[in-house]
């Protein structure tokens, strides 16, 4: 009787311990903790803000029968200098009757000035123009780019030609020189100045 009573509390204690252990096991998470067993994402390195793309280099304006950039054929040299905010660079002798000038802000062409009025522009090689014709083009290529062009014999080159493309104004045109093989010179402006072969007569 004594042994039975003594052992009962021990049995009860053991039972309680077993129950506690079972309860602890039942509380263990049955699923893998969030993120466990997964490859951690590669951290993205902080980077400086991408700088703005560099502005494209300035390019020459497009030559037309009306002018070149802010310069308009028929305007006075003084008015053009005011519009551009710069003085013209004189090329050669400053003859009031006819001379040639350039402007720093209008690269790609030189300009004829007659009695104070700008009448023509002679384009440098590579300067874009409204016809799309370029130095180096053949006569066939020029005809394809400007189907309305008129062809006449060159004054000095037996195999050469002058190619004329009329503008919207009745007295304005492109005059393009071709040596029998390819285009060599391109100019635009007001007649009769644009037709002068020797630039200033």
N, C-alpha and C. Protein backbone atom coordinates (compact mmCIF):
# COMPACT_ATOMS: atom_id res chain seq x y z
N UNK A 1 0.83 -1.20 0.00
CA UNK A 1 0.00 0.00 0.00
C UNK A 1 0.85 1.24 0.00
N UNK A 2 1.90 1.18 0.81
CA UNK A 2 2.80 2.33 0.86
C UNK A 2 3.50 2.52 -0.45
N UNK A 3 3.99 1.39 -1.08
CA UNK A 3 4.67 1.50 -2.38
C UNK A 3 3.74 2.05 -3.45
N UNK A 4 2.49 1.61 -3.40
CA UNK A 4 1.54 2.08 -4.40
C UNK A 4 1.31 3.59 -4.31
N UNK A 5 1.18 4.06 -3.06
CA UNK A 5 0.95 5.49 -2.88
C UNK A 5 2.18 6.30 -3.26
N UNK A 6 3.38 5.71 -2.91
CA UNK A 6 4.62 6.45 -3.22
C UNK A 6 4.86 6.55 -4.71
N UNK A 7 4.54 5.47 -5.41
CA UNK A 7 4.84 5.45 -6.85
C UNK A 7 3.86 6.28 -7.68
N UNK A 8 2.66 6.48 -7.12
CA UNK A 8 1.65 7.22 -7.91
C UNK A 8 2.11 8.61 -8.27
N UNK A 9 2.64 9.40 -7.32
CA UNK A 9 3.11 10.74 -7.71
C UNK A 9 4.20 10.69 -8.76
N UNK A 10 5.06 9.63 -8.68
CA UNK A 10 6.12 9.54 -9.68
C UNK A 10 5.54 9.26 -11.06
N UNK A 11 4.55 8.38 -11.06
CA UNK A 11 3.92 8.06 -12.35
C UNK A 11 3.23 9.30 -12.93
N UNK A 12 2.59 10.00 -11.99
CA UNK A 12 1.91 11.22 -12.45
C UNK A 12 2.91 12.22 -13.01
N UNK A 13 4.08 12.38 -12.34
CA UNK A 13 5.10 13.31 -12.79
C UNK A 13 5.65 12.90 -14.15
N UNK A 14 5.88 11.58 -14.31
CA UNK A 14 6.39 11.09 -15.60
C UNK A 14 5.37 11.35 -16.70
N UNK A 15 4.13 11.10 -16.36
CA UNK A 15 3.07 11.32 -17.37
C UNK A 15 3.02 12.78 -17.78
N UNK A 16 3.17 13.67 -16.77
CA UNK A 16 3.14 15.10 -17.08
C UNK A 16 4.33 15.51 -17.96
N UNK A 17 5.50 14.92 -17.69
CA UNK A 17 6.69 15.24 -18.47
C UNK A 17 6.52 14.78 -19.93
N UNK A 18 5.95 13.59 -20.08
CA UNK A 18 5.73 13.06 -21.43
C UNK A 18 4.74 13.94 -22.19
N UNK A 19 3.69 14.35 -21.47
CA UNK A 19 2.68 15.21 -22.10
C UNK A 19 3.27 16.55 -22.52
N UNK A 20 4.15 17.11 -21.66
CA UNK A 20 4.78 18.37 -21.98
C UNK A 20 5.67 18.25 -23.20
N UNK A 21 6.41 17.12 -23.26
CA UNK A 21 7.29 16.90 -24.40
C UNK A 21 6.50 16.78 -25.69
N UNK A 22 5.38 16.06 -25.63
CA UNK A 22 4.53 15.91 -26.81
C UNK A 22 3.96 17.25 -27.25
N UNK A 23 3.58 18.06 -26.28
CA UNK A 23 3.04 19.37 -26.60
C UNK A 23 4.09 20.24 -27.28
N UNK A 24 5.33 20.15 -26.80
CA UNK A 24 6.41 20.94 -27.40
C UNK A 24 6.65 20.52 -28.83
N UNK A 25 6.60 19.22 -29.07
CA UNK A 25 6.81 18.71 -30.43
C UNK A 25 5.69 19.17 -31.36
N UNK A 26 4.47 19.20 -30.82
CA UNK A 26 3.34 19.61 -31.66
C UNK A 26 3.39 21.07 -32.03
N UNK A 27 4.10 21.88 -31.20
CA UNK A 27 4.21 23.30 -31.51
C UNK A 27 5.34 23.62 -32.49
N UNK A 28 6.22 22.65 -32.81
CA UNK A 28 7.32 22.88 -33.75
C UNK A 28 6.78 23.20 -35.13
N UNK A 29 7.33 24.12 -35.83
CA UNK A 29 6.81 24.48 -37.16
C UNK A 29 6.94 23.32 -38.11
N UNK A 30 5.88 23.09 -38.86
CA UNK A 30 5.87 21.97 -39.78
C UNK A 30 6.40 22.36 -41.15
N UNK A 31 6.55 23.67 -41.40
CA UNK A 31 7.02 24.13 -42.69
C UNK A 31 8.37 24.81 -42.55
N UNK A 32 9.08 24.84 -43.62
CA UNK A 32 10.38 25.52 -43.62
C UNK A 32 10.16 26.99 -43.42
N UNK A 33 10.88 27.62 -42.53
CA UNK A 33 10.71 29.06 -42.31
C UNK A 33 10.86 29.82 -43.62
N UNK A 34 10.13 30.92 -43.66
CA UNK A 34 10.15 31.73 -44.87
C UNK A 34 11.58 32.09 -45.26
N UNK A 35 11.93 31.78 -46.49
CA UNK A 35 13.26 32.12 -46.98
C UNK A 35 14.27 31.04 -46.74
N UNK A 36 13.99 30.05 -45.86
CA UNK A 36 14.98 29.02 -45.58
C UNK A 36 15.11 28.13 -46.79
N UNK A 37 16.33 27.71 -47.10
CA UNK A 37 16.56 26.81 -48.21
C UNK A 37 16.55 27.49 -49.57
N UNK A 38 16.27 28.78 -49.60
CA UNK A 38 16.26 29.51 -50.87
C UNK A 38 17.57 30.28 -51.02
N UNK A 39 18.01 30.42 -52.29
CA UNK A 39 19.21 31.20 -52.55
C UNK A 39 18.90 32.67 -52.36
N UNK A 40 19.61 33.33 -51.47
CA UNK A 40 19.30 34.74 -51.24
C UNK A 40 19.51 35.55 -52.51
N UNK A 41 18.64 36.54 -52.71
CA UNK A 41 18.74 37.39 -53.89
C UNK A 41 20.03 38.18 -53.85
N UNK A 42 20.66 38.31 -55.01
CA UNK A 42 21.89 39.09 -55.07
C UNK A 42 21.58 40.54 -54.83
N UNK A 43 22.20 41.16 -53.88
CA UNK A 43 21.90 42.57 -53.60
C UNK A 43 22.28 43.44 -54.78
N UNK A 44 21.43 44.40 -55.10
CA UNK A 44 21.70 45.32 -56.20
C UNK A 44 22.55 46.46 -55.68
N UNK A 45 23.69 46.62 -56.27
CA UNK A 45 24.58 47.68 -55.81
C UNK A 45 23.99 49.03 -56.16
N UNK A 46 24.06 49.92 -55.23
CA UNK A 46 23.56 51.27 -55.48
C UNK A 46 24.46 51.92 -56.51
N UNK A 47 23.86 52.56 -57.49
CA UNK A 47 24.65 53.20 -58.52
C UNK A 47 24.27 54.66 -58.61
N UNK A 48 25.22 55.41 -59.07
CA UNK A 48 24.95 56.84 -59.24
C UNK A 48 23.95 57.02 -60.36
N UNK A 49 23.23 58.09 -60.34
CA UNK A 49 22.24 58.37 -61.37
C UNK A 49 22.92 58.44 -62.73
N UNK A 50 22.33 57.76 -63.72
CA UNK A 50 22.92 57.75 -65.05
C UNK A 50 22.96 59.17 -65.60
N UNK A 51 24.14 59.62 -66.02
CA UNK A 51 24.22 61.00 -66.51
C UNK A 51 23.46 61.14 -67.81
N UNK A 52 22.98 62.33 -68.06
CA UNK A 52 22.24 62.59 -69.29
C UNK A 52 23.15 62.40 -70.48
N UNK A 53 22.59 61.90 -71.58
CA UNK A 53 23.38 61.69 -72.79
C UNK A 53 23.95 63.01 -73.27
N UNK A 54 25.17 62.93 -73.76
CA UNK A 54 25.82 64.15 -74.24
C UNK A 54 25.07 64.71 -75.43
N UNK A 55 24.96 66.00 -75.47
CA UNK A 55 24.26 66.65 -76.58
C UNK A 55 25.05 66.44 -77.86
N UNK A 56 24.36 66.16 -78.98
CA UNK A 56 25.09 65.95 -80.23
C UNK A 56 25.84 67.20 -80.65
N UNK A 57 26.94 66.96 -81.31
CA UNK A 57 27.73 68.09 -81.77
C UNK A 57 26.91 68.94 -82.73
N UNK A 58 27.13 70.23 -82.66
CA UNK A 58 26.36 71.11 -83.52
C UNK A 58 26.69 70.83 -84.97
N UNK A 59 25.72 70.86 -85.84
CA UNK A 59 25.91 70.60 -87.24
C UNK A 59 25.52 71.82 -88.05
N UNK A 60 25.99 71.85 -89.29
CA UNK A 60 25.68 72.97 -90.16
C UNK A 60 24.21 72.96 -90.50
N UNK A 61 23.60 74.12 -90.67
CA UNK A 61 22.21 74.16 -91.13
C UNK A 61 22.11 73.68 -92.57
N UNK A 62 20.91 73.66 -93.08
CA UNK A 62 20.67 73.19 -94.45
C UNK A 62 20.57 74.37 -95.41
N UNK A 63 21.33 74.30 -96.48
CA UNK A 63 21.31 75.36 -97.49
C UNK A 63 20.06 75.23 -98.36
N UNK A 64 19.39 76.34 -98.58
CA UNK A 64 18.21 76.35 -99.45
C UNK A 64 18.32 77.53 -100.39
N UNK A 65 17.35 77.66 -101.29
CA UNK A 65 17.35 78.81 -102.20
C UNK A 65 16.94 80.09 -101.50
N UNK A 66 16.47 79.97 -100.25
CA UNK A 66 16.06 81.15 -99.47
C UNK A 66 17.17 81.65 -98.56
N UNK A 67 18.08 80.76 -98.18
CA UNK A 67 19.16 81.18 -97.29
C UNK A 67 19.82 80.02 -96.60
N UNK A 68 20.42 80.33 -95.44
CA UNK A 68 21.21 79.34 -94.71
C UNK A 68 21.11 79.66 -93.23
N UNK A 69 20.37 78.84 -92.49
CA UNK A 69 20.16 79.14 -91.08
C UNK A 69 19.38 80.44 -90.93
N UNK A 70 19.89 81.33 -90.08
CA UNK A 70 19.23 82.62 -89.86
C UNK A 70 19.53 83.64 -90.95
N UNK A 71 20.39 83.26 -91.87
CA UNK A 71 20.76 84.17 -92.95
C UNK A 71 19.80 84.00 -94.12
N UNK A 72 19.30 85.10 -94.63
CA UNK A 72 18.36 85.08 -95.75
C UNK A 72 18.92 85.88 -96.92
N UNK A 73 18.90 85.28 -98.10
CA UNK A 73 19.35 85.99 -99.29
C UNK A 73 18.45 87.21 -99.53
N UNK A 74 19.08 88.32 -99.83
CA UNK A 74 18.34 89.57 -100.03
C UNK A 74 18.40 90.48 -98.82
N UNK A 75 18.81 89.93 -97.66
CA UNK A 75 18.98 90.77 -96.47
C UNK A 75 20.30 91.51 -96.55
N UNK A 76 20.38 92.64 -95.89
CA UNK A 76 21.65 93.37 -95.88
C UNK A 76 22.63 92.68 -94.94
N UNK A 77 23.89 92.93 -95.18
CA UNK A 77 24.93 92.38 -94.31
C UNK A 77 24.77 92.91 -92.89
N UNK A 78 24.46 94.19 -92.76
CA UNK A 78 24.29 94.81 -91.44
C UNK A 78 23.15 94.15 -90.67
N UNK A 79 22.01 93.90 -91.34
CA UNK A 79 20.87 93.27 -90.67
C UNK A 79 21.21 91.84 -90.28
N UNK A 80 21.97 91.14 -91.12
CA UNK A 80 22.36 89.76 -90.82
C UNK A 80 23.31 89.71 -89.63
N UNK A 81 24.25 90.64 -89.57
CA UNK A 81 25.17 90.70 -88.43
C UNK A 81 24.40 90.94 -87.13
N UNK A 82 23.38 91.78 -87.20
CA UNK A 82 22.56 92.04 -86.01
C UNK A 82 21.79 90.79 -85.61
N UNK A 83 21.21 90.09 -86.58
CA UNK A 83 20.43 88.87 -86.30
C UNK A 83 21.31 87.77 -85.71
N UNK A 84 22.54 87.66 -86.19
CA UNK A 84 23.45 86.62 -85.72
C UNK A 84 24.22 87.04 -84.47
N UNK A 85 24.26 88.33 -84.22
CA UNK A 85 25.00 88.82 -83.06
C UNK A 85 26.50 88.73 -83.22
N UNK A 86 26.97 88.86 -84.45
CA UNK A 86 28.42 88.80 -84.70
C UNK A 86 28.76 89.54 -85.99
N UNK A 87 30.01 89.95 -86.08
CA UNK A 87 30.49 90.60 -87.29
C UNK A 87 30.98 89.55 -88.28
N UNK A 88 30.78 89.83 -89.56
CA UNK A 88 31.23 88.91 -90.60
C UNK A 88 32.76 88.92 -90.67
N UNK A 89 33.33 87.77 -91.05
CA UNK A 89 34.76 87.67 -91.27
C UNK A 89 35.01 87.90 -92.76
N UNK A 90 35.75 88.95 -93.07
CA UNK A 90 36.00 89.29 -94.46
C UNK A 90 36.97 88.31 -95.09
N UNK A 91 36.67 87.85 -96.30
CA UNK A 91 37.57 86.97 -97.04
C UNK A 91 38.13 87.75 -98.22
N UNK A 92 39.42 87.99 -98.20
CA UNK A 92 40.02 88.76 -99.28
C UNK A 92 39.72 90.24 -99.16
N UNK A 93 39.81 90.90 -100.28
CA UNK A 93 39.63 92.36 -100.31
C UNK A 93 38.17 92.73 -100.06
N UNK A 94 37.98 93.76 -99.28
CA UNK A 94 36.63 94.25 -98.98
C UNK A 94 36.22 95.25 -100.07
N UNK A 95 35.65 94.72 -101.13
CA UNK A 95 35.20 95.56 -102.24
C UNK A 95 33.71 95.85 -102.04
N UNK A 96 33.31 97.10 -101.90
CA UNK A 96 31.90 97.43 -101.69
C UNK A 96 30.98 96.88 -102.77
N UNK A 97 31.51 96.71 -103.98
CA UNK A 97 30.68 96.21 -105.08
C UNK A 97 30.39 94.72 -104.91
N UNK A 98 31.40 93.95 -104.51
CA UNK A 98 31.22 92.51 -104.35
C UNK A 98 32.38 91.93 -103.53
N UNK A 99 32.04 91.23 -102.47
CA UNK A 99 33.05 90.60 -101.63
C UNK A 99 32.48 89.33 -101.01
N UNK A 100 33.36 88.56 -100.36
CA UNK A 100 32.95 87.31 -99.73
C UNK A 100 33.21 87.35 -98.23
N UNK A 101 32.29 86.77 -97.45
CA UNK A 101 32.44 86.76 -96.00
C UNK A 101 32.03 85.38 -95.45
N UNK A 102 32.40 85.16 -94.20
CA UNK A 102 31.96 83.98 -93.45
C UNK A 102 31.47 84.43 -92.09
N UNK A 103 30.69 83.55 -91.44
CA UNK A 103 30.24 83.79 -90.08
C UNK A 103 30.60 82.56 -89.23
N UNK A 104 31.12 82.81 -88.02
CA UNK A 104 31.48 81.70 -87.12
C UNK A 104 30.27 80.85 -86.76
N UNK A 105 29.12 81.50 -86.62
CA UNK A 105 27.91 80.76 -86.21
C UNK A 105 27.24 80.03 -87.37
N UNK A 106 27.75 80.24 -88.59
CA UNK A 106 27.18 79.56 -89.77
C UNK A 106 28.30 78.85 -90.53
N UNK A 107 28.88 77.80 -89.93
CA UNK A 107 29.95 77.09 -90.61
C UNK A 107 29.41 76.34 -91.83
N UNK A 108 30.28 76.12 -92.78
CA UNK A 108 29.87 75.31 -93.92
C UNK A 108 29.59 76.07 -95.19
N UNK A 109 29.73 77.40 -95.17
CA UNK A 109 29.47 78.17 -96.39
C UNK A 109 30.13 79.54 -96.31
N UNK A 110 30.42 80.09 -97.47
CA UNK A 110 30.88 81.48 -97.55
C UNK A 110 29.83 82.25 -98.36
N UNK A 111 29.74 83.52 -98.10
CA UNK A 111 28.61 84.30 -98.62
C UNK A 111 29.08 85.47 -99.47
N UNK A 112 28.36 85.68 -100.56
CA UNK A 112 28.64 86.81 -101.44
C UNK A 112 27.84 88.01 -100.98
N UNK A 113 28.51 89.15 -100.89
CA UNK A 113 27.87 90.40 -100.50
C UNK A 113 28.05 91.40 -101.63
N UNK A 114 26.93 91.86 -102.18
CA UNK A 114 26.98 92.83 -103.28
C UNK A 114 26.28 94.12 -102.85
N UNK A 115 27.06 95.18 -102.81
CA UNK A 115 26.54 96.49 -102.41
C UNK A 115 25.78 96.40 -101.08
N UNK A 116 26.36 95.65 -100.16
CA UNK A 116 25.79 95.55 -98.82
C UNK A 116 24.69 94.52 -98.65
N UNK A 117 24.35 93.77 -99.71
CA UNK A 117 23.27 92.78 -99.65
C UNK A 117 23.85 91.38 -99.88
N UNK A 118 23.42 90.40 -99.08
CA UNK A 118 23.87 89.02 -99.24
C UNK A 118 23.03 88.35 -100.33
N UNK A 119 23.70 87.90 -101.38
CA UNK A 119 22.99 87.39 -102.54
C UNK A 119 23.22 85.91 -102.83
N UNK A 120 24.23 85.31 -102.18
CA UNK A 120 24.57 83.94 -102.57
C UNK A 120 25.39 83.27 -101.48
N UNK A 121 25.34 81.92 -101.45
CA UNK A 121 26.16 81.13 -100.54
C UNK A 121 26.82 80.00 -101.32
N UNK A 122 28.13 79.85 -101.16
CA UNK A 122 28.87 78.75 -101.76
C UNK A 122 29.15 77.73 -100.66
N UNK A 123 28.63 76.53 -100.83
CA UNK A 123 28.72 75.53 -99.77
C UNK A 123 30.06 74.82 -99.75
N UNK A 124 30.55 74.54 -98.54
CA UNK A 124 31.72 73.68 -98.39
C UNK A 124 31.30 72.23 -98.63
N UNK A 125 32.26 71.38 -98.96
CA UNK A 125 31.97 69.96 -99.14
C UNK A 125 31.38 69.39 -97.85
N UNK A 126 30.27 68.68 -97.98
CA UNK A 126 29.64 68.07 -96.82
C UNK A 126 28.51 68.87 -96.22
N UNK A 127 28.34 70.12 -96.65
CA UNK A 127 27.25 70.94 -96.13
C UNK A 127 25.92 70.46 -96.72
N UNK A 128 24.93 70.14 -95.90
CA UNK A 128 23.65 69.64 -96.43
C UNK A 128 22.87 70.72 -97.16
N UNK A 129 22.07 70.28 -98.11
CA UNK A 129 21.23 71.23 -98.85
C UNK A 129 19.89 70.58 -99.17
N UNK A 130 18.93 71.40 -99.57
CA UNK A 130 17.57 70.94 -99.82
C UNK A 130 17.44 69.93 -100.95
N UNK A 131 18.36 69.93 -101.89
CA UNK A 131 18.26 69.00 -103.02
C UNK A 131 18.68 67.59 -102.64
N UNK A 132 19.52 67.48 -101.63
CA UNK A 132 20.07 66.18 -101.26
C UNK A 132 21.28 65.79 -102.09
N UNK A 133 21.59 66.60 -103.10
CA UNK A 133 22.76 66.33 -103.95
C UNK A 133 24.02 66.68 -103.16
N UNK A 134 25.05 65.86 -103.32
CA UNK A 134 26.29 66.08 -102.58
C UNK A 134 27.48 66.06 -103.53
N UNK A 135 28.55 66.73 -103.12
CA UNK A 135 29.80 66.67 -103.87
C UNK A 135 30.22 65.20 -103.97
N UNK A 136 30.56 64.79 -105.21
CA UNK A 136 30.93 63.39 -105.43
C UNK A 136 29.83 62.60 -106.13
N UNK A 137 28.59 63.12 -106.11
CA UNK A 137 27.50 62.44 -106.81
C UNK A 137 27.72 62.50 -108.32
N UNK A 138 27.28 61.46 -109.01
CA UNK A 138 27.31 61.47 -110.47
C UNK A 138 26.11 62.24 -111.00
N UNK A 139 26.12 62.52 -112.28
CA UNK A 139 24.99 63.21 -112.90
C UNK A 139 23.72 62.38 -112.76
N UNK A 140 23.85 61.06 -112.92
CA UNK A 140 22.69 60.17 -112.78
C UNK A 140 22.13 60.23 -111.36
N UNK A 141 23.00 60.25 -110.37
CA UNK A 141 22.54 60.34 -108.97
C UNK A 141 21.87 61.69 -108.71
N UNK A 142 22.44 62.75 -109.28
CA UNK A 142 21.86 64.08 -109.10
C UNK A 142 20.46 64.14 -109.72
N UNK A 143 20.30 63.55 -110.90
CA UNK A 143 18.98 63.52 -111.54
C UNK A 143 17.97 62.75 -110.70
N UNK A 144 18.43 61.68 -110.07
CA UNK A 144 17.53 60.87 -109.24
C UNK A 144 17.08 61.65 -108.01
N UNK A 145 17.99 62.42 -107.42
CA UNK A 145 17.66 63.18 -106.21
C UNK A 145 16.84 64.43 -106.52
N UNK A 146 17.07 65.02 -107.68
CA UNK A 146 16.34 66.24 -108.05
C UNK A 146 15.89 66.11 -109.50
N UNK A 147 14.80 65.40 -109.74
CA UNK A 147 14.35 65.14 -111.12
C UNK A 147 14.08 66.40 -111.93
N UNK A 148 13.81 67.53 -111.26
CA UNK A 148 13.48 68.76 -111.99
C UNK A 148 14.71 69.56 -112.42
N UNK A 149 15.91 69.06 -112.11
CA UNK A 149 17.10 69.87 -112.41
C UNK A 149 17.27 70.05 -113.92
N UNK A 150 17.83 71.20 -114.27
CA UNK A 150 18.10 71.53 -115.67
C UNK A 150 19.61 71.44 -115.90
N UNK A 151 19.99 70.86 -117.02
CA UNK A 151 21.41 70.63 -117.32
C UNK A 151 21.84 71.51 -118.48
N UNK A 152 22.97 72.20 -118.30
CA UNK A 152 23.53 73.03 -119.36
C UNK A 152 25.04 72.84 -119.42
N UNK A 153 25.68 73.15 -120.54
CA UNK A 153 27.13 72.94 -120.67
C UNK A 153 27.93 73.81 -119.70
N UNK A 154 29.05 73.28 -119.26
CA UNK A 154 29.95 74.04 -118.39
C UNK A 154 30.76 75.03 -119.22
N UNK A 155 31.02 76.17 -118.64
CA UNK A 155 31.72 77.24 -119.36
C UNK A 155 33.17 76.87 -119.66
N UNK A 156 33.83 76.15 -118.74
CA UNK A 156 35.25 75.88 -118.88
C UNK A 156 35.58 74.40 -119.10
N UNK A 157 34.70 73.50 -118.73
CA UNK A 157 34.98 72.07 -118.83
C UNK A 157 34.16 71.46 -119.96
N UNK A 158 34.80 71.00 -121.04
CA UNK A 158 34.07 70.46 -122.19
C UNK A 158 33.11 69.33 -121.83
N UNK A 159 33.46 68.51 -120.86
CA UNK A 159 32.61 67.38 -120.48
C UNK A 159 31.74 67.71 -119.26
N UNK A 160 31.91 68.90 -118.72
CA UNK A 160 31.20 69.26 -117.50
C UNK A 160 29.84 69.89 -117.76
N UNK A 161 29.11 70.09 -116.67
CA UNK A 161 27.75 70.65 -116.77
C UNK A 161 27.46 71.55 -115.57
N UNK A 162 26.49 72.44 -115.78
CA UNK A 162 25.86 73.16 -114.69
C UNK A 162 24.48 72.53 -114.49
N UNK A 163 24.17 72.23 -113.25
CA UNK A 163 22.87 71.65 -112.91
C UNK A 163 22.10 72.69 -112.11
N UNK A 164 20.98 73.12 -112.60
CA UNK A 164 20.19 74.16 -111.94
C UNK A 164 18.91 73.58 -111.37
N UNK A 165 18.60 73.96 -110.14
CA UNK A 165 17.35 73.55 -109.49
C UNK A 165 16.66 74.82 -109.02
N UNK A 166 15.48 75.08 -109.56
CA UNK A 166 14.76 76.31 -109.24
C UNK A 166 14.17 76.26 -107.83
N UNK A 167 14.10 77.44 -107.20
CA UNK A 167 13.48 77.54 -105.89
C UNK A 167 12.04 78.03 -106.01
N UNK A 168 11.38 78.20 -104.88
CA UNK A 168 9.99 78.69 -104.89
C UNK A 168 9.94 80.13 -105.38
N UNK A 169 10.98 80.91 -105.06
CA UNK A 169 11.04 82.28 -105.56
C UNK A 169 11.49 82.27 -107.02
N UNK A 170 10.94 83.09 -107.85
CA UNK A 170 11.27 83.05 -109.29
C UNK A 170 12.72 83.38 -109.59
N UNK A 171 13.39 84.14 -108.73
CA UNK A 171 14.76 84.54 -109.01
C UNK A 171 15.78 83.83 -108.12
N UNK A 172 15.41 82.68 -107.52
CA UNK A 172 16.30 81.94 -106.62
C UNK A 172 16.53 80.54 -107.16
N UNK A 173 17.75 80.04 -106.98
CA UNK A 173 18.06 78.72 -107.53
C UNK A 173 19.30 78.11 -106.86
N UNK A 174 19.45 76.81 -107.05
CA UNK A 174 20.71 76.11 -106.81
C UNK A 174 21.44 76.04 -108.14
N UNK A 175 22.75 76.23 -108.11
CA UNK A 175 23.59 75.96 -109.26
C UNK A 175 24.68 75.00 -108.80
N UNK A 176 24.73 73.86 -109.47
CA UNK A 176 25.64 72.79 -109.06
C UNK A 176 26.57 72.48 -110.23
N UNK A 177 27.87 72.47 -109.97
CA UNK A 177 28.83 72.20 -111.03
C UNK A 177 29.24 70.74 -111.04
N UNK A 178 29.32 70.19 -112.25
CA UNK A 178 29.70 68.78 -112.44
C UNK A 178 30.76 68.74 -113.54
N UNK A 179 31.82 67.97 -113.33
CA UNK A 179 32.96 68.00 -114.26
C UNK A 179 32.94 66.91 -115.32
N UNK A 180 31.83 66.24 -115.48
CA UNK A 180 31.73 65.14 -116.43
C UNK A 180 31.80 63.80 -115.74
N UNK A 181 32.25 63.80 -114.50
CA UNK A 181 32.32 62.56 -113.71
C UNK A 181 31.51 62.66 -112.42
N UNK A 182 31.62 63.79 -111.74
CA UNK A 182 30.94 63.94 -110.45
C UNK A 182 30.72 65.41 -110.12
N UNK A 183 29.83 65.66 -109.17
CA UNK A 183 29.56 67.01 -108.69
C UNK A 183 30.78 67.53 -107.94
N UNK A 184 31.14 68.77 -108.23
CA UNK A 184 32.32 69.37 -107.59
C UNK A 184 32.01 70.58 -106.72
N UNK A 185 30.94 71.32 -107.05
CA UNK A 185 30.61 72.53 -106.30
C UNK A 185 29.09 72.69 -106.21
N UNK A 186 28.65 73.28 -105.10
CA UNK A 186 27.22 73.53 -104.90
C UNK A 186 27.05 74.94 -104.32
N UNK A 187 26.14 75.69 -104.92
CA UNK A 187 25.86 77.03 -104.41
C UNK A 187 24.37 77.32 -104.56
N UNK A 188 23.91 78.32 -103.83
CA UNK A 188 22.50 78.72 -103.91
C UNK A 188 22.41 80.21 -103.68
N UNK A 189 21.35 80.81 -104.21
CA UNK A 189 21.17 82.23 -104.00
C UNK A 189 20.28 82.86 -105.04
N UNK A 190 20.41 84.15 -105.17
CA UNK A 190 19.56 84.94 -106.07
C UNK A 190 20.26 85.15 -107.41
N UNK A 191 19.47 85.15 -108.46
CA UNK A 191 20.01 85.46 -109.79
C UNK A 191 20.14 86.97 -109.94
N UNK A 192 21.13 87.44 -110.67
CA UNK A 192 22.09 86.67 -111.46
C UNK A 192 23.31 86.20 -110.67
N UNK A 193 23.42 86.59 -109.40
CA UNK A 193 24.62 86.32 -108.61
C UNK A 193 24.96 84.84 -108.52
N UNK A 194 23.94 83.99 -108.35
CA UNK A 194 24.20 82.56 -108.18
C UNK A 194 24.77 81.94 -109.45
N UNK A 195 24.61 82.61 -110.59
CA UNK A 195 25.14 82.09 -111.85
C UNK A 195 26.58 82.51 -112.15
N UNK A 196 27.11 83.43 -111.36
CA UNK A 196 28.47 83.89 -111.62
C UNK A 196 29.45 82.74 -111.45
N UNK A 197 30.24 82.47 -112.48
CA UNK A 197 31.23 81.41 -112.39
C UNK A 197 32.45 81.89 -111.59
N UNK A 198 32.80 83.14 -111.72
CA UNK A 198 34.00 83.68 -111.07
C UNK A 198 33.67 84.27 -109.70
N UNK A 199 32.54 83.95 -109.11
CA UNK A 199 32.08 84.45 -107.81
C UNK A 199 31.76 85.93 -107.92
N UNK A 200 32.74 86.80 -107.76
CA UNK A 200 32.50 88.24 -107.93
C UNK A 200 33.11 88.68 -109.26
N UNK A 201 32.31 89.29 -110.11
CA UNK A 201 32.82 89.76 -111.41
C UNK A 201 33.55 91.08 -111.24
